Amino acid sequence: MKKLKHEAALLKKAVEIGEKYAINRGFKGFASTNSAKDKVESLYRLLVSDKQIQPLAVDFEDQPNMKHKLALWIAKKLPEGHPLLAD
């Protein structure tokens, strides 16, 4: 797994956009008491069930890999030339 240059910022953006996606799908938004770990796992599972991202192998379903998958997902959705995609 090759780390992306702005992976932390991409993950933050993915959680932000992912929450809006979940709300549009009819889910309730995250409470302020939800941990970042819970948000990442919930969004990962939602995107997998909606076939937006390829699921990880069961052996690799852990937080770092889920975070990386979400960062890759949002990197593909951002428009070309976005500051988070700059090398």
PDB file of N, CA and C in Angstrom:
ATOM      1  N   MET A   1       0.854  -1.180   0.000  1.00  0.00           N
ATOM      2  CA  MET A   1       0.000   0.000   0.000  1.00  0.00           C
ATOM      3  C   MET A   1       0.896   1.238   0.000  1.00  0.00           C
ATOM      4  N   LYS A   2       0.857   1.962  -1.090  1.00  0.00           N
ATOM      5  CA  LYS A   2       1.659   3.176  -1.211  1.00  0.00           C
ATOM      6  C   LYS A   2       0.868   4.352  -0.643  1.00  0.00           C
ATOM      7  N   LYS A   3       1.470   5.054   0.300  1.00  0.00           N
ATOM      8  CA  LYS A   3       0.799   6.183   0.932  1.00  0.00           C
ATOM      9  C   LYS A   3       0.698   7.345  -0.057  1.00  0.00           C
ATOM     10  N   LEU A   4      -0.472   7.983  -0.069  1.00  0.00           N
ATOM     11  CA  LEU A   4      -0.680   9.145  -0.924  1.00  0.00           C
ATOM     12  C   LEU A   4      -0.020  10.364  -0.295  1.00  0.00           C
ATOM     13  N   LYS A   5       0.314  11.336  -1.118  1.00  0.00           N
ATOM     14  CA  LYS A   5       1.035  12.511  -0.619  1.00  0.00           C
ATOM     15  C   LYS A   5       0.240  13.285   0.432  1.00  0.00           C
ATOM     16  N   HIS A   6      -1.013  13.535   0.192  1.00  0.00           N
ATOM     17  CA  HIS A   6      -1.845  14.295   1.124  1.00  0.00           C
ATOM     18  C   HIS A   6      -2.930  13.391   1.701  1.00  0.00           C
ATOM     19  N   GLU A   7      -2.545  12.187   2.132  1.00  0.00           N
ATOM     20  CA  GLU A   7      -3.528  11.188   2.538  1.00  0.00           C
ATOM     21  C   GLU A   7      -4.386  11.652   3.714  1.00  0.00           C
ATOM     22  N   ALA A   8      -3.817  12.309   4.699  1.00  0.00           N
ATOM     23  CA  ALA A   8      -4.592  12.756   5.862  1.00  0.00           C
ATOM     24  C   ALA A   8      -5.649  13.778   5.440  1.00  0.00           C
ATOM     25  N   ALA A   9      -5.268  14.714   4.590  1.00  0.00           N
ATOM     26  CA  ALA A   9      -6.219  15.732   4.120  1.00  0.00           C
ATOM     27  C   ALA A   9      -7.267  15.101   3.205  1.00  0.00           C
ATOM     28  N   LEU A  10      -6.856  14.133   2.397  1.00  0.00           N
ATOM     29  CA  LEU A  10      -7.808  13.437   1.532  1.00  0.00           C
ATOM     30  C   LEU A  10      -8.808  12.648   2.371  1.00  0.00           C
ATOM     31  N   LEU A  11      -8.342  12.027   3.437  1.00  0.00           N
ATOM     32  CA  LEU A  11      -9.242  11.278   4.322  1.00  0.00           C
ATOM     33  C   LEU A  11     -10.249  12.213   4.971  1.00  0.00           C
ATOM     34  N   LYS A  12      -9.780  13.361   5.416  1.00  0.00           N
ATOM     35  CA  LYS A  12     -10.684  14.339   6.029  1.00  0.00           C
ATOM     36  C   LYS A  12     -11.766  14.761   5.027  1.00  0.00           C
ATOM     37  N   LYS A  13     -11.363  15.014   3.796  1.00  0.00           N
ATOM     38  CA  LYS A  13     -12.297  15.386   2.733  1.00  0.00           C
ATOM     39  C   LYS A  13     -13.254  14.228   2.430  1.00  0.00           C
ATOM     40  N   ALA A  14     -12.734  12.995   2.431  1.00  0.00           N
ATOM     41  CA  ALA A  14     -13.556  11.816   2.163  1.00  0.00           C
ATOM     42  C   ALA A  14     -14.634  11.643   3.228  1.00  0.00           C
ATOM     43  N   VAL A  15     -14.297  11.886   4.480  1.00  0.00           N
ATOM     44  CA  VAL A  15     -15.282  11.769   5.557  1.00  0.00           C
ATOM     45  C   VAL A  15     -16.350  12.855   5.404  1.00  0.00           C
ATOM     46  N   GLU A  16     -15.913  14.053   5.065  1.00  0.00           N
ATOM     47  CA  GLU A  16     -16.849  15.165   4.860  1.00  0.00           C
ATOM     48  C   GLU A  16     -17.820  14.864   3.707  1.00  0.00           C
ATOM     49  N   ILE A  17     -17.287  14.483   2.558  1.00  0.00           N
ATOM     50  CA  ILE A  17     -18.106  14.176   1.381  1.00  0.00           C
ATOM     51  C   ILE A  17     -18.910  12.899   1.607  1.00  0.00           C
ATOM     52  N   GLY A  18     -18.286  11.921   2.252  1.00  0.00           N
ATOM     53  CA  GLY A  18     -18.961  10.656   2.532  1.00  0.00           C
ATOM     54  C   GLY A  18     -20.171  10.825   3.420  1.00  0.00           C
ATOM     55  N   GLU A  19     -20.081  11.722   4.394  1.00  0.00           N
ATOM     56  CA  GLU A  19     -21.222  11.969   5.271  1.00  0.00           C
ATOM     57  C   GLU A  19     -22.379  12.582   4.477  1.00  0.00           C
ATOM     58  N   LYS A  20     -22.065  13.510   3.581  1.00  0.00           N
ATOM     59  CA  LYS A  20     -23.104  14.101   2.733  1.00  0.00           C
ATOM     60  C   LYS A  20     -23.725  13.034   1.839  1.00  0.00           C
ATOM     61  N   TYR A  21     -22.902  12.135   1.317  1.00  0.00           N
ATOM     62  CA  TYR A  21     -23.382  11.032   0.484  1.00  0.00           C
ATOM     63  C   TYR A  21     -24.341  10.151   1.300  1.00  0.00           C
ATOM     64  N   ALA A  22     -23.955   9.830   2.521  1.00  0.00           N
ATOM     65  CA  ALA A  22     -24.791   8.977   3.380  1.00  0.00           C
ATOM     66  C   ALA A  22     -26.128   9.651   3.687  1.00  0.00           C
ATOM     67  N   ILE A  23     -26.104  10.938   3.953  1.00  0.00           N
ATOM     68  CA  ILE A  23     -27.341  11.675   4.241  1.00  0.00           C
ATOM     69  C   ILE A  23     -28.243  11.668   3.009  1.00  0.00           C
ATOM     70  N   ASN A  24     -27.672  11.873   1.828  1.00  0.00           N
ATOM     71  CA  ASN A  24     -28.451  11.824   0.585  1.00  0.00           C
ATOM     72  C   ASN A  24     -29.049  10.439   0.340  1.00  0.00           C
ATOM     73  N   ARG A  25     -28.394   9.414   0.867  1.00  0.00           N
ATOM     74  CA  ARG A  25     -28.894   8.054   0.736  1.00  0.00           C
ATOM     75  C   ARG A  25     -29.966   7.739   1.778  1.00  0.00           C
ATOM     76  N   GLY A  26     -30.230   8.691   2.689  1.00  0.00           N
ATOM     77  CA  GLY A  26     -31.293   8.504   3.669  1.00  0.00           C
ATOM     78  C   GLY A  26     -30.814   8.137   5.062  1.00  0.00           C
ATOM     79  N   PHE A  27     -29.505   8.128   5.262  1.00  0.00           N
ATOM     80  CA  PHE A  27     -28.979   7.828   6.578  1.00  0.00           C
ATOM     81  C   PHE A  27     -28.907   9.097   7.406  1.00  0.00           C
ATOM     82  N   LYS A  28     -28.939   8.915   8.695  1.00  0.00           N
ATOM     83  CA  LYS A  28     -28.801  10.033   9.622  1.00  0.00           C
ATOM     84  C   LYS A  28     -27.328  10.435   9.659  1.00  0.00           C
ATOM     85  N   GLY A  29     -27.042  11.697   9.844  1.00  0.00           N
ATOM     86  CA  GLY A  29     -25.655  12.159   9.917  1.00  0.00           C
ATOM     87  C   GLY A  29     -24.966  11.644  11.168  1.00  0.00           C
ATOM     88  N   PHE A  30     -23.669  11.816  11.232  1.00  0.00           N
ATOM     89  CA  PHE A  30     -22.905  11.383  12.395  1.00  0.00           C
ATOM     90  C   PHE A  30     -23.157  12.322  13.564  1.00  0.00           C
ATOM     91  N   ALA A  31     -23.208  11.757  14.748  1.00  0.00           N
ATOM     92  CA  ALA A  31     -23.322  12.559  15.968  1.00  0.00           C
ATOM     93  C   ALA A  31     -21.928  13.075  16.326  1.00  0.00           C
ATOM     94  N   SER A  32     -21.900  14.117  17.106  1.00  0.00           N
ATOM     95  CA  SER A  32     -20.603  14.671  17.503  1.00  0.00           C
ATOM     96  C   SER A  32     -19.845  13.703  18.414  1.00  0.00           C
ATOM     97  N   THR A  33     -20.559  12.723  18.958  1.00  0.00           N
ATOM     98  CA  THR A  33     -19.914  11.750  19.840  1.00  0.00           C
ATOM     99  C   THR A  33     -19.328  10.562  19.082  1.00  0.00           C
ATOM    100  N   ASN A  34     -19.601  10.458  17.772  1.00  0.00           N
ATOM    101  CA  ASN A  34     -19.031   9.371  16.976  1.00  0.00           C
ATOM    102  C   ASN A  34     -17.532   9.584  16.814  1.00  0.00           C
ATOM    103  N   SER A  35     -16.773   8.533  17.013  1.00  0.00           N
ATOM    104  CA  SER A  35     -15.320   8.647  16.854  1.00  0.00           C
ATOM    105  C   SER A  35     -14.961   8.619  15.368  1.00  0.00           C
ATOM    106  N   ALA A  36     -13.779   9.082  15.061  1.00  0.00           N
ATOM    107  CA  ALA A  36     -13.294   9.067  13.683  1.00  0.00           C
ATOM    108  C   ALA A  36     -13.206   7.627  13.176  1.00  0.00           C
ATOM    109  N   LYS A  37     -12.838   6.724  14.060  1.00  0.00           N
ATOM    110  CA  LYS A  37     -12.744   5.308  13.702  1.00  0.00           C
ATOM    111  C   LYS A  37     -14.103   4.771  13.257  1.00  0.00           C
ATOM    112  N   ASP A  38     -15.155   5.131  13.993  1.00  0.00           N
ATOM    113  CA  ASP A  38     -16.507   4.683  13.640  1.00  0.00           C
ATOM    114  C   ASP A  38     -16.964   5.284  12.313  1.00  0.00           C
ATOM    115  N   LYS A  39     -16.635   6.543  12.103  1.00  0.00           N
ATOM    116  CA  LYS A  39     -17.021   7.210  10.853  1.00  0.00           C
ATOM    117  C   LYS A  39     -16.356   6.539   9.662  1.00  0.00           C
ATOM    118  N   VAL A  40     -15.073   6.265   9.779  1.00  0.00           N
ATOM    119  CA  VAL A  40     -14.329   5.634   8.687  1.00  0.00           C
ATOM    120  C   VAL A  40     -14.921   4.270   8.370  1.00  0.00           C
ATOM    121  N   GLU A  41     -15.159   3.469   9.394  1.00  0.00           N
ATOM    122  CA  GLU A  41     -15.688   2.128   9.155  1.00  0.00           C
ATOM    123  C   GLU A  41     -17.094   2.180   8.561  1.00  0.00           C
ATOM    124  N   SER A  42     -17.936   3.071   9.071  1.00  0.00           N
ATOM    125  CA  SER A  42     -19.302   3.188   8.548  1.00  0.00           C
ATOM    126  C   SER A  42     -19.303   3.611   7.084  1.00  0.00           C
ATOM    127  N   LEU A  43     -18.513   4.621   6.764  1.00  0.00           N
ATOM    128  CA  LEU A  43     -18.454   5.087   5.377  1.00  0.00           C
ATOM    129  C   LEU A  43     -17.868   4.028   4.460  1.00  0.00           C
ATOM    130  N   TYR A  44     -16.841   3.347   4.921  1.00  0.00           N
ATOM    131  CA  TYR A  44     -16.242   2.277   4.115  1.00  0.00           C
ATOM    132  C   TYR A  44     -17.301   1.222   3.798  1.00  0.00           C
ATOM    133  N   ARG A  45     -18.031   0.778   4.801  1.00  0.00           N
ATOM    134  CA  ARG A  45     -19.035  -0.279   4.604  1.00  0.00           C
ATOM    135  C   ARG A  45     -20.183   0.196   3.696  1.00  0.00           C
ATOM    136  N   LEU A  46     -20.584   1.455   3.843  1.00  0.00           N
ATOM    137  CA  LEU A  46     -21.632   1.998   2.982  1.00  0.00           C
ATOM    138  C   LEU A  46     -21.165   2.029   1.524  1.00  0.00           C
ATOM    139  N   LEU A  47     -19.963   2.517   1.293  1.00  0.00           N
ATOM    140  CA  LEU A  47     -19.449   2.619  -0.072  1.00  0.00           C
ATOM    141  C   LEU A  47     -19.225   1.239  -0.696  1.00  0.00           C
ATOM    142  N   VAL A  48     -18.840   0.277   0.101  1.00  0.00           N
ATOM    143  CA  VAL A  48     -18.691  -1.091  -0.410  1.00  0.00           C
ATOM    144  C   VAL A  48     -20.059  -1.650  -0.771  1.00  0.00           C
ATOM    145  N   SER A  49     -21.055  -1.452   0.102  1.00  0.00           N
ATOM    146  CA  SER A  49     -22.391  -2.001  -0.176  1.00  0.00           C
ATOM    147  C   SER A  49     -23.028  -1.332  -1.394  1.00  0.00           C
ATOM    148  N   ASP A  50     -22.689  -0.073  -1.646  1.00  0.00           N
ATOM    149  CA  ASP A  50     -23.202   0.645  -2.818  1.00  0.00           C
ATOM    150  C   ASP A  50     -22.326   0.428  -4.060  1.00  0.00           C
ATOM    151  N   LYS A  51     -21.316  -0.406  -3.914  1.00  0.00           N
ATOM    152  CA  LYS A  51     -20.385  -0.731  -5.002  1.00  0.00           C
ATOM    153  C   LYS A  51     -19.652   0.509  -5.547  1.00  0.00           C
ATOM    154  N   GLN A  52     -19.370   1.445  -4.653  1.00  0.00           N
ATOM    155  CA  GLN A  52     -18.601   2.633  -5.017  1.00  0.00           C
ATOM    156  C   GLN A  52     -17.096   2.370  -4.922  1.00  0.00           C
ATOM    157  N   ILE A  53     -16.731   1.439  -4.025  1.00  0.00           N
ATOM    158  CA  ILE A  53     -15.327   1.042  -3.886  1.00  0.00           C
ATOM    159  C   ILE A  53     -15.248  -0.477  -3.817  1.00  0.00           C
ATOM    160  N   GLN A  54     -14.097  -0.992  -4.182  1.00  0.00           N
ATOM    161  CA  GLN A  54     -13.845  -2.431  -4.138  1.00  0.00           C
ATOM    162  C   GLN A  54     -13.578  -2.824  -2.683  1.00  0.00           C
ATOM    163  N   PRO A  55     -14.210  -3.881  -2.190  1.00  0.00           N
ATOM    164  CA  PRO A  55     -13.959  -4.279  -0.798  1.00  0.00           C
ATOM    165  C   PRO A  55     -12.543  -4.811  -0.604  1.00  0.00           C
ATOM    166  N   LEU A  56     -12.045  -4.615   0.588  1.00  0.00           N
ATOM    167  CA  LEU A  56     -10.745  -5.169   0.954  1.00  0.00           C
ATOM    168  C   LEU A  56     -10.902  -6.655   1.248  1.00  0.00           C
ATOM    169  N   ALA A  57      -9.829  -7.404   1.115  1.00  0.00           N
ATOM    170  CA  ALA A  57      -9.845  -8.804   1.532  1.00  0.00           C
ATOM    171  C   ALA A  57     -10.069  -8.830   3.043  1.00  0.00           C
ATOM    172  N   VAL A  58     -10.742  -9.846   3.529  1.00  0.00           N
ATOM    173  CA  VAL A  58     -11.103  -9.927   4.946  1.00  0.00           C
ATOM    174  C   VAL A  58      -9.873  -9.795   5.843  1.00  0.00           C
ATOM    175  N   ASP A  59      -8.742 -10.353   5.429  1.00  0.00           N
ATOM    176  CA  ASP A  59      -7.509 -10.275   6.230  1.00  0.00           C
ATOM    177  C   ASP A  59      -6.996  -8.843   6.354  1.00  0.00           C
ATOM    178  N   PHE A  60      -7.369  -7.991   5.405  1.00  0.00           N
ATOM    179  CA  PHE A  60      -6.846  -6.619   5.366  1.00  0.00           C
ATOM    180  C   PHE A  60      -7.866  -5.572   5.784  1.00  0.00           C
ATOM    181  N   GLU A  61      -8.996  -5.988   6.326  1.00  0.00           N
ATOM    182  CA  GLU A  61     -10.019  -5.037   6.778  1.00  0.00           C
ATOM    183  C   GLU A  61      -9.620  -4.467   8.131  1.00  0.00           C
ATOM    184  N   ASP A  62      -8.759  -3.470   8.111  1.00  0.00           N
ATOM    185  CA  ASP A  62      -8.373  -2.782   9.337  1.00  0.00           C
ATOM    186  C   ASP A  62      -8.418  -1.274   9.075  1.00  0.00           C
ATOM    187  N   GLN A  63      -8.265  -0.499  10.123  1.00  0.00           N
ATOM    188  CA  GLN A  63      -8.401   0.957  10.013  1.00  0.00           C
ATOM    189  C   GLN A  63      -7.452   1.589   8.995  1.00  0.00           C
ATOM    190  N   PRO A  64      -6.152   1.283   9.025  1.00  0.00           N
ATOM    191  CA  PRO A  64      -5.262   1.928   8.049  1.00  0.00           C
ATOM    192  C   PRO A  64      -5.669   1.646   6.596  1.00  0.00           C
ATOM    193  N   ASN A  65      -6.067   0.417   6.313  1.00  0.00           N
ATOM    194  CA  ASN A  65      -6.459   0.083   4.942  1.00  0.00           C
ATOM    195  C   ASN A  65      -7.794   0.721   4.566  1.00  0.00           C
ATOM    196  N   MET A  66      -8.732   0.796   5.513  1.00  0.00           N
ATOM    197  CA  MET A  66     -10.014   1.460   5.239  1.00  0.00           C
ATOM    198  C   MET A  66      -9.797   2.946   4.973  1.00  0.00           C
ATOM    199  N   LYS A  67      -8.939   3.561   5.763  1.00  0.00           N
ATOM    200  CA  LYS A  67      -8.628   4.980   5.570  1.00  0.00           C
ATOM    201  C   LYS A  67      -8.008   5.200   4.195  1.00  0.00           C
ATOM    202  N   HIS A  68      -7.090   4.308   3.826  1.00  0.00           N
ATOM    203  CA  HIS A  68      -6.422   4.425   2.523  1.00  0.00           C
ATOM    204  C   HIS A  68      -7.444   4.283   1.391  1.00  0.00           C
ATOM    205  N   LYS A  69      -8.367   3.339   1.519  1.00  0.00           N
ATOM    206  CA  LYS A  69      -9.405   3.136   0.503  1.00  0.00           C
ATOM    207  C   LYS A  69     -10.263   4.386   0.353  1.00  0.00           C
ATOM    208  N   LEU A  70     -10.650   5.002   1.481  1.00  0.00           N
ATOM    209  CA  LEU A  70     -11.464   6.219   1.422  1.00  0.00           C
ATOM    210  C   LEU A  70     -10.679   7.363   0.774  1.00  0.00           C
ATOM    211  N   ALA A  71      -9.389   7.467   1.084  1.00  0.00           N
ATOM    212  CA  ALA A  71      -8.558   8.515   0.478  1.00  0.00           C
ATOM    213  C   ALA A  71      -8.447   8.296  -1.032  1.00  0.00           C
ATOM    214  N   LEU A  72      -8.289   7.053  -1.457  1.00  0.00           N
ATOM    215  CA  LEU A  72      -8.235   6.754  -2.895  1.00  0.00           C
ATOM    216  C   LEU A  72      -9.566   7.080  -3.565  1.00  0.00           C
ATOM    217  N   TRP A  73     -10.664   6.745  -2.904  1.00  0.00           N
ATOM    218  CA  TRP A  73     -12.002   7.009  -3.444  1.00  0.00           C
ATOM    219  C   TRP A  73     -12.198   8.499  -3.710  1.00  0.00           C
ATOM    220  N   ILE A  74     -11.874   9.323  -2.727  1.00  0.00           N
ATOM    221  CA  ILE A  74     -12.104  10.762  -2.893  1.00  0.00           C
ATOM    222  C   ILE A  74     -11.102  11.343  -3.885  1.00  0.00           C
ATOM    223  N   ALA A  75      -9.890  10.804  -3.947  1.00  0.00           N
ATOM    224  CA  ALA A  75      -8.900  11.307  -4.909  1.00  0.00           C
ATOM    225  C   ALA A  75      -9.399  11.111  -6.339  1.00  0.00           C
ATOM    226  N   LYS A  76     -10.115  10.027  -6.580  1.00  0.00           N
ATOM    227  CA  LYS A  76     -10.657   9.777  -7.916  1.00  0.00           C
ATOM    228  C   LYS A  76     -11.864  10.668  -8.213  1.00  0.00           C
ATOM    229  N   LYS A  77     -12.545  11.144  -7.176  1.00  0.00           N
ATOM    230  CA  LYS A  77     -13.745  11.966  -7.352  1.00  0.00           C
ATOM    231  C   LYS A  77     -13.427  13.461  -7.485  1.00  0.00           C
ATOM    232  N   LEU A  78     -12.271  13.875  -6.990  1.00  0.00           N
ATOM    233  CA  LEU A  78     -11.927  15.297  -7.041  1.00  0.00           C
ATOM    234  C   LEU A  78     -11.601  15.715  -8.471  1.00  0.00           C
ATOM    235  N   PRO A  79     -11.921  16.963  -8.814  1.00  0.00           N
ATOM    236  CA  PRO A  79     -11.617  17.437 -10.173  1.00  0.00           C
ATOM    237  C   PRO A  79     -10.107  17.559 -10.397  1.00  0.00           C
ATOM    238  N   GLU A  80      -9.716  17.421 -11.644  1.00  0.00           N
ATOM    239  CA  GLU A  80      -8.301  17.549 -11.994  1.00  0.00           C
ATOM    240  C   GLU A  80      -7.813  18.944 -11.609  1.00  0.00           C
ATOM    241  N   GLY A  81      -6.623  19.006 -11.050  1.00  0.00           N
ATOM    242  CA  GLY A  81      -6.061  20.281 -10.648  1.00  0.00           C
ATOM    243  C   GLY A  81      -6.409  20.685  -9.210  1.00  0.00           C
ATOM    244  N   HIS A  82      -7.142  19.860  -8.498  1.00  0.00           N
ATOM    245  CA  HIS A  82      -7.479  20.159  -7.099  1.00  0.00           C
ATOM    246  C   HIS A  82      -6.200  20.195  -6.272  1.00  0.00           C
ATOM    247  N   PRO A  83      -6.073  21.124  -5.322  1.00  0.00           N
ATOM    248  CA  PRO A  83      -4.835  21.260  -4.534  1.00  0.00           C
ATOM    249  C   PRO A  83      -4.406  19.976  -3.805  1.00  0.00           C
ATOM    250  N   LEU A  84      -5.365  19.136  -3.403  1.00  0.00           N
ATOM    251  CA  LEU A  84      -4.994  17.905  -2.695  1.00  0.00           C
ATOM    252  C   LEU A  84      -4.388  16.861  -3.630  1.00  0.00           C
ATOM    253  N   LEU A  85      -4.548  17.053  -4.919  1.00  0.00           N
ATOM    254  CA  LEU A  85      -3.996  16.098  -5.878  1.00  0.00           C
ATOM    255  C   LEU A  85      -2.627  16.513  -6.394  1.00  0.00           C
ATOM    256  N   ALA A  86      -2.181  17.714  -6.023  1.00  0.00           N
ATOM    257  CA  ALA A  86      -0.884  18.225  -6.501  1.00  0.00           C
ATOM    258  C   ALA A  86       0.247  17.389  -5.928  1.00  0.00           C
ATOM    259  N   ASP A  87       1.266  17.204  -6.735  1.00  0.00           N
ATOM    260  CA  ASP A  87       2.429  16.416  -6.279  1.00  0.00           C
ATOM    261  C   ASP A  87       3.302  17.239  -5.441  1.00  0.00           C
TER     262      ASP A  87
END
